[in-house]
């Protein structure tokens, strides 16, 4: 069982920035594939970005120029740096972990609201 706890969401003005963090339990974090997804009201959950255990990065096309995913194996954390935020980025952002065995696991989500 992997527990994920997101933090860093909040209200931000258009054009602003936020940094989301996800803390993961377990001693095998370096072997996990980690990701960020988001779900806006009335819409399906969608991929934002993923980082593999080997450091390979995957981004949803419309976000890769503004968002950056990174991880810190020493802290068991994955981050999502979001810049130039737009109202359409408003959503609940979820952390996802895919270990070598079992999973995937999801965090409880953190709300990001972009509004003036």
Protein backbone atom coordinates (compact mmCIF):
# COMPACT_ATOMS: atom_id res chain seq x y z
CA UNK A 1 0.00 0.00 0.00
CA UNK A 2 1.33 3.40 -1.01
CA UNK A 3 -0.11 6.51 0.58
CA UNK A 4 0.07 9.80 -1.28
CA UNK A 5 -0.54 13.22 0.20
CA UNK A 6 -0.76 16.27 -2.05
CA UNK A 7 -0.27 19.85 -0.96
CA UNK A 8 0.27 23.28 -2.46
CA UNK A 9 -3.06 23.95 -4.12
CA UNK A 10 -4.98 27.15 -3.68
CA UNK A 11 -6.37 30.24 -5.35
CA UNK A 12 -4.16 32.07 -7.82
CA UNK A 13 -4.70 34.87 -10.30
CA UNK A 14 -4.39 34.22 -14.03
CA UNK A 15 -0.75 34.33 -15.04
CA UNK A 16 0.36 33.24 -11.59
CA UNK A 17 2.29 30.20 -10.44
CA UNK A 18 1.86 27.35 -8.01
CA UNK A 19 4.01 24.45 -6.92
CA UNK A 20 2.25 21.25 -5.97
CA UNK A 21 3.93 18.62 -3.84
CA UNK A 22 3.12 14.96 -3.33
CA UNK A 23 4.63 12.97 -0.50
CA UNK A 24 4.67 9.21 -0.94
CA UNK A 25 5.04 6.49 1.64
CA UNK A 26 7.19 3.43 1.21
CA UNK A 27 10.85 2.61 0.90
CA UNK A 28 10.80 1.89 -2.82
CA UNK A 29 9.87 5.37 -4.05
CA UNK A 30 12.76 5.42 -6.50
CA UNK A 31 11.18 2.51 -8.36
CA UNK A 32 7.77 4.15 -8.74
CA UNK A 33 6.46 5.82 -11.83
CA UNK A 34 4.83 9.02 -10.56
CA UNK A 35 2.34 11.31 -12.17
CA UNK A 36 -0.01 14.25 -11.85
CA UNK A 37 -3.54 14.19 -13.19
CA UNK A 38 -6.34 16.69 -12.94
CA UNK A 39 -10.10 16.68 -13.06
CA UNK A 40 -12.18 19.74 -13.73
CA UNK A 41 -15.90 19.87 -12.85
CA UNK A 42 -17.93 17.88 -15.33
CA UNK A 43 -14.86 16.52 -17.09
CA UNK A 44 -12.89 13.31 -17.06
CA UNK A 45 -9.63 12.98 -15.21
CA UNK A 46 -6.72 13.75 -17.53
CA UNK A 47 -2.99 13.32 -17.51
CA UNK A 48 -0.91 16.38 -16.74
CA UNK A 49 2.58 14.88 -16.51
CA UNK A 50 4.43 11.73 -15.54
CA UNK A 51 7.98 10.93 -14.51
CA UNK A 52 9.28 7.39 -14.73
CA UNK A 53 11.62 5.75 -12.27
CA UNK A 54 14.36 6.35 -14.83
CA UNK A 55 13.56 10.03 -15.11
CA UNK A 56 11.71 10.00 -18.42
CA UNK A 57 9.15 12.78 -18.65
CA UNK A 58 5.75 12.77 -20.31
CA UNK A 59 3.51 15.81 -20.60
CA UNK A 60 0.09 16.49 -21.98
CA UNK A 61 0.84 18.60 -25.04
CA UNK A 62 -1.08 21.69 -24.02
CA UNK A 63 0.70 21.92 -20.68
CA UNK A 64 4.32 21.05 -21.35
CA UNK A 65 5.40 24.61 -22.04
CA UNK A 66 4.01 25.81 -18.69
CA UNK A 67 4.24 22.87 -16.29
CA UNK A 68 7.30 21.00 -15.00
CA UNK A 69 7.29 17.70 -13.13
CA UNK A 70 10.22 16.69 -10.95
CA UNK A 71 10.97 14.28 -8.15
CA UNK A 72 13.25 14.02 -5.16
CA UNK A 73 13.98 10.40 -4.24
CA UNK A 74 15.68 11.40 -1.00
CA UNK A 75 12.43 13.05 0.16
CA UNK A 76 9.98 10.61 -1.46
CA UNK A 77 8.33 13.55 -3.18
CA UNK A 78 7.17 14.54 -6.62
CA UNK A 79 6.46 18.12 -7.59
CA UNK A 80 4.50 19.95 -10.24
CA UNK A 81 5.60 23.48 -11.00
CA UNK A 82 2.83 25.36 -12.78
CA UNK A 83 3.43 28.70 -14.44
CA UNK A 84 1.32 31.10 -16.51
CA UNK A 85 -1.81 29.60 -15.03
CA UNK A 86 -5.09 30.06 -16.84
CA UNK A 87 -8.70 29.82 -15.62
CA UNK A 88 -9.02 26.57 -17.58
CA UNK A 89 -6.33 25.05 -15.36
CA UNK A 90 -8.85 25.12 -12.50
CA UNK A 91 -9.28 21.55 -11.32
CA UNK A 92 -8.55 19.07 -8.57
CA UNK A 93 -5.00 17.84 -9.09
CA UNK A 94 -4.22 14.26 -8.13
CA UNK A 95 -0.93 12.53 -7.50
CA UNK A 96 -0.55 9.02 -8.90
CA UNK A 97 1.97 6.30 -8.13
CA UNK A 98 2.57 3.12 -10.09
CA UNK A 99 4.92 0.78 -8.23
CA UNK A 100 6.55 -2.28 -9.77
CA UNK A 101 4.00 -4.45 -8.00
CA UNK A 102 0.32 -3.63 -7.44
CA UNK A 103 -1.15 -0.16 -7.69
CA UNK A 104 -1.84 2.31 -9.11
CA UNK A 105 -2.42 4.50 -6.11
CA UNK A 106 -4.02 7.92 -5.89
CA UNK A 107 -3.86 10.80 -3.49
CA UNK A 108 -6.91 12.64 -2.20
CA UNK A 109 -6.34 15.57 -4.52
CA UNK A 110 -5.63 19.25 -4.06
CA UNK A 111 -7.80 22.03 -5.45
CA UNK A 112 -6.28 24.58 -7.80
CA UNK A 113 -8.45 27.57 -8.66
CA UNK A 114 -7.30 30.17 -11.17
CA UNK A 115 -9.48 33.23 -10.99
CA UNK A 116 -9.26 36.98 -10.88
